[in-house]
PDB file of N, CA and C in Angstrom:
ATOM      1  N   MET A   1       0.823  -1.178   0.000  1.00  0.00           N
ATOM      2  CA  MET A   1       0.000   0.000   0.000  1.00  0.00           C
ATOM      3  C   MET A   1       0.878   1.257   0.000  1.00  0.00           C
ATOM      4  N   HIS A   2       2.003   1.206   0.697  1.00  0.00           N
ATOM      5  CA  HIS A   2       2.905   2.359   0.715  1.00  0.00           C
ATOM      6  C   HIS A   2       3.372   2.711  -0.697  1.00  0.00           C
ATOM      7  N   VAL A   3       3.610   1.698  -1.514  1.00  0.00           N
ATOM      8  CA  VAL A   3       4.071   1.929  -2.884  1.00  0.00           C
ATOM      9  C   VAL A   3       3.015   2.710  -3.659  1.00  0.00           C
ATOM     10  N   PHE A   4       1.763   2.310  -3.529  1.00  0.00           N
ATOM     11  CA  PHE A   4       0.677   3.003  -4.229  1.00  0.00           C
ATOM     12  C   PHE A   4       0.539   4.443  -3.769  1.00  0.00           C
ATOM     13  N   THR A   5       0.524   4.652  -2.462  1.00  0.00           N
ATOM     14  CA  THR A   5       0.332   6.010  -1.960  1.00  0.00           C
ATOM     15  C   THR A   5       1.500   6.914  -2.336  1.00  0.00           C
ATOM     16  N   ARG A   6       2.724   6.391  -2.354  1.00  0.00           N
ATOM     17  CA  ARG A   6       3.885   7.191  -2.757  1.00  0.00           C
ATOM     18  C   ARG A   6       3.819   7.576  -4.228  1.00  0.00           C
ATOM     19  N   ARG A   7       3.416   6.635  -5.072  1.00  0.00           N
ATOM     20  CA  ARG A   7       3.317   6.916  -6.503  1.00  0.00           C
ATOM     21  C   ARG A   7       2.234   7.956  -6.783  1.00  0.00           C
ATOM     22  N   ILE A   8       1.135   7.847  -6.096  1.00  0.00           N
ATOM     23  CA  ILE A   8       0.046   8.803  -6.272  1.00  0.00           C
ATOM     24  C   ILE A   8       0.493  10.196  -5.842  1.00  0.00           C
ATOM     25  N   LYS A   9       1.163  10.277  -4.705  1.00  0.00           N
ATOM     26  CA  LYS A   9       1.645  11.566  -4.206  1.00  0.00           C
ATOM     27  C   LYS A   9       2.675  12.159  -5.164  1.00  0.00           C
ATOM     28  N   ALA A  10       3.598  11.335  -5.654  1.00  0.00           N
ATOM     29  CA  ALA A  10       4.637  11.812  -6.569  1.00  0.00           C
ATOM     30  C   ALA A  10       4.035  12.351  -7.869  1.00  0.00           C
ATOM     31  N   ALA A  11       2.929  11.770  -8.295  1.00  0.00           N
ATOM     32  CA  ALA A  11       2.278  12.208  -9.529  1.00  0.00           C
ATOM     33  C   ALA A  11       1.365  13.411  -9.295  1.00  0.00           C
ATOM     34  N   GLY A  12       1.190  13.797  -8.033  1.00  0.00           N
ATOM     35  CA  GLY A  12       0.281  14.895  -7.721  1.00  0.00           C
ATOM     36  C   GLY A  12      -1.159  14.539  -8.026  1.00  0.00           C
ATOM     37  N   ALA A  13      -1.484  13.271  -7.921  1.00  0.00           N
ATOM     38  CA  ALA A  13      -2.803  12.762  -8.291  1.00  0.00           C
ATOM     39  C   ALA A  13      -3.677  12.513  -7.058  1.00  0.00           C
ATOM     40  N   LEU A  14      -4.898  12.182  -7.320  1.00  0.00           N
ATOM     41  CA  LEU A  14      -5.857  11.820  -6.287  1.00  0.00           C
ATOM     42  C   LEU A  14      -6.053  10.311  -6.330  1.00  0.00           C
ATOM     43  N   GLY A  15      -5.859   9.651  -5.214  1.00  0.00           N
ATOM     44  CA  GLY A  15      -6.078   8.211  -5.128  1.00  0.00           C
ATOM     45  C   GLY A  15      -7.304   7.942  -4.279  1.00  0.00           C
ATOM     46  N   ILE A  16      -8.130   7.042  -4.749  1.00  0.00           N
ATOM     47  CA  ILE A  16      -9.316   6.643  -3.992  1.00  0.00           C
ATOM     48  C   ILE A  16      -9.243   5.136  -3.793  1.00  0.00           C
ATOM     49  N   PHE A  17      -9.274   4.716  -2.549  1.00  0.00           N
ATOM     50  CA  PHE A  17      -9.217   3.306  -2.206  1.00  0.00           C
ATOM     51  C   PHE A  17     -10.515   2.936  -1.495  1.00  0.00           C
ATOM     52  N   VAL A  18     -11.115   1.849  -1.880  1.00  0.00           N
ATOM     53  CA  VAL A  18     -12.339   1.368  -1.246  1.00  0.00           C
ATOM     54  C   VAL A  18     -11.968   0.185  -0.366  1.00  0.00           C
ATOM     55  N   VAL A  19     -12.338   0.288   0.909  1.00  0.00           N
ATOM     56  CA  VAL A  19     -11.999  -0.749   1.874  1.00  0.00           C
ATOM     57  C   VAL A  19     -13.277  -1.188   2.569  1.00  0.00           C
ATOM     58  N   ASP A  20     -13.533  -2.475   2.594  1.00  0.00           N
ATOM     59  CA  ASP A  20     -14.674  -3.028   3.317  1.00  0.00           C
ATOM     60  C   ASP A  20     -14.185  -3.420   4.705  1.00  0.00           C
ATOM     61  N   SER A  21     -14.578  -2.641   5.698  1.00  0.00           N
ATOM     62  CA  SER A  21     -14.087  -2.881   7.054  1.00  0.00           C
ATOM     63  C   SER A  21     -14.549  -4.224   7.618  1.00  0.00           C
ATOM     64  N   GLY A  22     -15.584  -4.809   7.045  1.00  0.00           N
ATOM     65  CA  GLY A  22     -16.049  -6.114   7.502  1.00  0.00           C
ATOM     66  C   GLY A  22     -15.120  -7.251   7.117  1.00  0.00           C
ATOM     67  N   CYS A  23     -14.178  -6.966   6.231  1.00  0.00           N
ATOM     68  CA  CYS A  23     -13.250  -7.994   5.752  1.00  0.00           C
ATOM     69  C   CYS A  23     -11.880  -7.906   6.408  1.00  0.00           C
ATOM     70  N   MET A  24     -11.711  -6.940   7.316  1.00  0.00           N
ATOM     71  CA  MET A  24     -10.402  -6.733   7.929  1.00  0.00           C
ATOM     72  C   MET A  24     -10.547  -6.535   9.437  1.00  0.00           C
ATOM     73  N   THR A  25      -9.455  -6.766  10.134  1.00  0.00           N
ATOM     74  CA  THR A  25      -9.470  -6.549  11.578  1.00  0.00           C
ATOM     75  C   THR A  25      -9.413  -5.053  11.871  1.00  0.00           C
ATOM     76  N   ASP A  26      -9.801  -4.659  13.070  1.00  0.00           N
ATOM     77  CA  ASP A  26      -9.732  -3.258  13.478  1.00  0.00           C
ATOM     78  C   ASP A  26      -8.295  -2.745  13.411  1.00  0.00           C
ATOM     79  N   GLN A  27      -7.347  -3.598  13.743  1.00  0.00           N
ATOM     80  CA  GLN A  27      -5.933  -3.211  13.703  1.00  0.00           C
ATOM     81  C   GLN A  27      -5.493  -2.914  12.265  1.00  0.00           C
ATOM     82  N   THR A  28      -5.919  -3.734  11.321  1.00  0.00           N
ATOM     83  CA  THR A  28      -5.575  -3.513   9.916  1.00  0.00           C
ATOM     84  C   THR A  28      -6.186  -2.208   9.415  1.00  0.00           C
ATOM     85  N   ILE A  29      -7.439  -1.962   9.757  1.00  0.00           N
ATOM     86  CA  ILE A  29      -8.102  -0.716   9.360  1.00  0.00           C
ATOM     87  C   ILE A  29      -7.365   0.488   9.937  1.00  0.00           C
ATOM     88  N   ALA A  30      -6.987   0.418  11.206  1.00  0.00           N
ATOM     89  CA  ALA A  30      -6.252   1.522  11.848  1.00  0.00           C
ATOM     90  C   ALA A  30      -4.919   1.766  11.146  1.00  0.00           C
ATOM     91  N   THR A  31      -4.249   0.705  10.741  1.00  0.00           N
ATOM     92  CA  THR A  31      -2.976   0.834  10.030  1.00  0.00           C
ATOM     93  C   THR A  31      -3.187   1.497   8.670  1.00  0.00           C
ATOM     94  N   LEU A  32      -4.218   1.094   7.951  1.00  0.00           N
ATOM     95  CA  LEU A  32      -4.503   1.679   6.643  1.00  0.00           C
ATOM     96  C   LEU A  32      -4.871   3.154   6.750  1.00  0.00           C
ATOM     97  N   LYS A  33      -5.634   3.521   7.763  1.00  0.00           N
ATOM     98  CA  LYS A  33      -6.064   4.909   7.930  1.00  0.00           C
ATOM     99  C   LYS A  33      -4.880   5.863   8.044  1.00  0.00           C
ATOM    100  N   GLN A  34      -3.776   5.384   8.577  1.00  0.00           N
ATOM    101  CA  GLN A  34      -2.586   6.227   8.742  1.00  0.00           C
ATOM    102  C   GLN A  34      -1.962   6.614   7.403  1.00  0.00           C
ATOM    103  N   LEU A  35      -2.264   5.876   6.341  1.00  0.00           N
ATOM    104  CA  LEU A  35      -1.655   6.116   5.039  1.00  0.00           C
ATOM    105  C   LEU A  35      -2.342   7.210   4.233  1.00  0.00           C
ATOM    106  N   PHE A  36      -3.523   7.627   4.666  1.00  0.00           N
ATOM    107  CA  PHE A  36      -4.336   8.519   3.849  1.00  0.00           C
ATOM    108  C   PHE A  36      -4.500   9.888   4.491  1.00  0.00           C
ATOM    109  N   ASP A  37      -4.661  10.898   3.635  1.00  0.00           N
ATOM    110  CA  ASP A  37      -4.883  12.266   4.107  1.00  0.00           C
ATOM    111  C   ASP A  37      -6.305  12.447   4.626  1.00  0.00           C
ATOM    112  N   GLY A  38      -7.247  11.726   4.054  1.00  0.00           N
ATOM    113  CA  GLY A  38      -8.638  11.857   4.456  1.00  0.00           C
ATOM    114  C   GLY A  38      -9.397  10.571   4.262  1.00  0.00           C
ATOM    115  N   ILE A  39     -10.524  10.485   4.936  1.00  0.00           N
ATOM    116  CA  ILE A  39     -11.330   9.264   4.892  1.00  0.00           C
ATOM    117  C   ILE A  39     -12.795   9.654   4.761  1.00  0.00           C
ATOM    118  N   ILE A  40     -13.506   8.954   3.899  1.00  0.00           N
ATOM    119  CA  ILE A  40     -14.962   9.060   3.808  1.00  0.00           C
ATOM    120  C   ILE A  40     -15.497   7.718   4.275  1.00  0.00           C
ATOM    121  N   GLU A  41     -16.279   7.730   5.337  1.00  0.00           N
ATOM    122  CA  GLU A  41     -16.840   6.488   5.875  1.00  0.00           C
ATOM    123  C   GLU A  41     -18.346   6.467   5.615  1.00  0.00           C
ATOM    124  N   ILE A  42     -18.833   5.304   5.238  1.00  0.00           N
ATOM    125  CA  ILE A  42     -20.257   5.108   4.980  1.00  0.00           C
ATOM    126  C   ILE A  42     -20.696   3.884   5.764  1.00  0.00           C
ATOM    127  N   LYS A  43     -21.866   3.990   6.385  1.00  0.00           N
ATOM    128  CA  LYS A  43     -22.404   2.829   7.100  1.00  0.00           C
ATOM    129  C   LYS A  43     -23.912   2.766   6.920  1.00  0.00           C
ATOM    130  N   GLU A  44     -24.444   1.570   7.094  1.00  0.00           N
ATOM    131  CA  GLU A  44     -25.888   1.357   7.066  1.00  0.00           C
ATOM    132  C   GLU A  44     -26.315   0.919   8.454  1.00  0.00           C
ATOM    133  N   GLU A  45     -27.365   1.534   8.946  1.00  0.00           N
ATOM    134  CA  GLU A  45     -27.870   1.217  10.273  1.00  0.00           C
ATOM    135  C   GLU A  45     -29.377   1.439  10.290  1.00  0.00           C
ATOM    136  N   ASN A  46     -30.124   0.452  10.700  1.00  0.00           N
ATOM    137  CA  ASN A  46     -31.590   0.548  10.763  1.00  0.00           C
ATOM    138  C   ASN A  46     -32.187   0.985   9.428  1.00  0.00           C
ATOM    139  N   ASP A  47     -31.735   0.360   8.344  1.00  0.00           N
ATOM    140  CA  ASP A  47     -32.212   0.643   6.983  1.00  0.00           C
ATOM    141  C   ASP A  47     -31.968   2.080   6.531  1.00  0.00           C
ATOM    142  N   LYS A  48     -31.023   2.765   7.136  1.00  0.00           N
ATOM    143  CA  LYS A  48     -30.648   4.115   6.728  1.00  0.00           C
ATOM    144  C   LYS A  48     -29.145   4.147   6.469  1.00  0.00           C
ATOM    145  N   ASN A  49     -28.737   5.021   5.565  1.00  0.00           N
ATOM    146  CA  ASN A  49     -27.322   5.175   5.230  1.00  0.00           C
ATOM    147  C   ASN A  49     -26.780   6.449   5.844  1.00  0.00           C
ATOM    148  N   TYR A  50     -25.566   6.366   6.362  1.00  0.00           N
ATOM    149  CA  TYR A  50     -24.919   7.500   7.018  1.00  0.00           C
ATOM    150  C   TYR A  50     -23.522   7.688   6.442  1.00  0.00           C
ATOM    151  N   ILE A  51     -23.022   8.931   6.515  1.00  0.00           N
ATOM    152  CA  ILE A  51     -21.703   9.263   6.005  1.00  0.00           C
ATOM    153  C   ILE A  51     -21.003  10.213   6.977  1.00  0.00           C
ATOM    154  N   ARG A  52     -19.676  10.107   7.031  1.00  0.00           N
ATOM    155  CA  ARG A  52     -18.871  11.079   7.775  1.00  0.00           C
ATOM    156  C   ARG A  52     -17.515  11.174   7.111  1.00  0.00           C
ATOM    157  N   THR A  53     -16.876  12.314   7.282  1.00  0.00           N
ATOM    158  CA  THR A  53     -15.548  12.521   6.707  1.00  0.00           C
ATOM    159  C   THR A  53     -14.575  12.890   7.809  1.00  0.00           C
ATOM    160  N   VAL A  54     -13.335  12.526   7.583  1.00  0.00           N
ATOM    161  CA  VAL A  54     -12.265  12.851   8.518  1.00  0.00           C
ATOM    162  C   VAL A  54     -11.049  13.270   7.697  1.00  0.00           C
ATOM    163  N   GLY A  55     -10.487  14.435   7.974  1.00  0.00           N
ATOM    164  CA  GLY A  55      -9.237  14.868   7.366  1.00  0.00           C
ATOM    165  C   GLY A  55      -9.320  15.425   5.965  1.00  0.00           C
ATOM    166  N   LEU A  56     -10.496  15.621   5.414  1.00  0.00           N
ATOM    167  CA  LEU A  56     -10.603  16.131   4.053  1.00  0.00           C
ATOM    168  C   LEU A  56     -10.626  17.652   3.985  1.00  0.00           C
ATOM    169  N   SER A  57     -10.845  18.281   5.102  1.00  0.00           N
ATOM    170  CA  SER A  57     -10.804  19.739   5.178  1.00  0.00           C
ATOM    171  C   SER A  57     -10.394  20.114   6.597  1.00  0.00           C
ATOM    172  N   SER A  58     -10.417  21.379   6.868  1.00  0.00           N
ATOM    173  CA  SER A  58     -10.033  21.802   8.215  1.00  0.00           C
ATOM    174  C   SER A  58     -11.081  21.423   9.254  1.00  0.00           C
ATOM    175  N   GLN A  59     -12.277  21.061   8.776  1.00  0.00           N
ATOM    176  CA  GLN A  59     -13.342  20.673   9.697  1.00  0.00           C
ATOM    177  C   GLN A  59     -13.727  19.221   9.466  1.00  0.00           C
ATOM    178  N   THR A  60     -13.899  18.496  10.540  1.00  0.00           N
ATOM    179  CA  THR A  60     -14.361  17.116  10.473  1.00  0.00           C
ATOM    180  C   THR A  60     -15.883  17.116  10.551  1.00  0.00           C
ATOM    181  N   THR A  61     -16.510  16.204   9.831  1.00  0.00           N
ATOM    182  CA  THR A  61     -17.962  16.071   9.913  1.00  0.00           C
ATOM    183  C   THR A  61     -18.349  15.862  11.363  1.00  0.00           C
ATOM    184  N   PRO A  62     -19.334  16.608  11.858  1.00  0.00           N
ATOM    185  CA  PRO A  62     -19.748  16.446  13.257  1.00  0.00           C
ATOM    186  C   PRO A  62     -20.568  15.167  13.444  1.00  0.00           C
ATOM    187  N   GLY A  63     -19.890  14.056  13.503  1.00  0.00           N
ATOM    188  CA  GLY A  63     -20.584  12.772  13.667  1.00  0.00           C
ATOM    189  C   GLY A  63     -21.121  12.262  12.345  1.00  0.00           C
ATOM    190  N   TRP A  64     -22.003  11.320  12.429  1.00  0.00           N
ATOM    191  CA  TRP A  64     -22.577  10.685  11.245  1.00  0.00           C
ATOM    192  C   TRP A  64     -23.740  11.517  10.721  1.00  0.00           C
ATOM    193  N   LEU A  65     -23.767  11.755   9.403  1.00  0.00           N
ATOM    194  CA  LEU A  65     -24.853  12.480   8.760  1.00  0.00           C
ATOM    195  C   LEU A  65     -25.707  11.507   7.969  1.00  0.00           C
ATOM    196  N   ASN A  66     -27.017  11.696   8.031  1.00  0.00           N
ATOM    197  CA  ASN A  66     -27.949  10.841   7.308  1.00  0.00           C
ATOM    198  C   ASN A  66     -27.844  11.130   5.818  1.00  0.00           C
ATOM    199  N   MET A  67     -27.638  10.090   5.025  1.00  0.00           N
ATOM    200  CA  MET A  67     -27.623  10.221   3.565  1.00  0.00           C
ATOM    201  C   MET A  67     -28.999   9.849   3.061  1.00  0.00           C
ATOM    202  N   ARG A  68     -29.699  10.803   2.532  1.00  0.00           N
ATOM    203  CA  ARG A  68     -31.036  10.516   2.013  1.00  0.00           C
ATOM    204  C   ARG A  68     -30.943  10.239   0.522  1.00  0.00           C
ATOM    205  N   SER A  69     -31.708   9.285   0.048  1.00  0.00           N
ATOM    206  CA  SER A  69     -31.752   9.005  -1.374  1.00  0.00           C
ATOM    207  C   SER A  69     -32.807   9.896  -2.025  1.00  0.00           C
ATOM    208  N   ARG A  70     -32.829   9.915  -3.317  1.00  0.00           N
ATOM    209  CA  ARG A  70     -33.847  10.693  -4.034  1.00  0.00           C
ATOM    210  C   ARG A  70     -35.252  10.201  -3.689  1.00  0.00           C
ATOM    211  N   GLU A  71     -35.363   8.932  -3.397  1.00  0.00           N
ATOM    212  CA  GLU A  71     -36.663   8.368  -3.042  1.00  0.00           C
ATOM    213  C   GLU A  71     -37.174   8.902  -1.711  1.00  0.00           C
ATOM    214  N   ASP A  72     -36.256   9.371  -0.847  1.00  0.00           N
ATOM    215  CA  ASP A  72     -36.643   9.877   0.467  1.00  0.00           C
ATOM    216  C   ASP A  72     -37.165  11.310   0.416  1.00  0.00           C
ATOM    217  N   THR A  73     -36.949  12.008  -0.688  1.00  0.00           N
ATOM    218  CA  THR A  73     -37.333  13.419  -0.765  1.00  0.00           C
ATOM    219  C   THR A  73     -38.756  13.607  -1.200  1.00  0.00           C
TER     220      THR A  73
END
């Protein structure tokens, strides 16, 4: 993973990695999080989808935000 992140940084590019936390241990997820400048997390709970961001701007999302679909509007 370090090789990928270094190449992306050297190219001045944006890298997006999709990680399914259900397939990895908490320790592995914590290790991966250290490699990235920011994280977008998505979860489903009680038939609703939520999102939060960390490190993508000077402000962190204040907790989980409800993601509404077009069908919900």
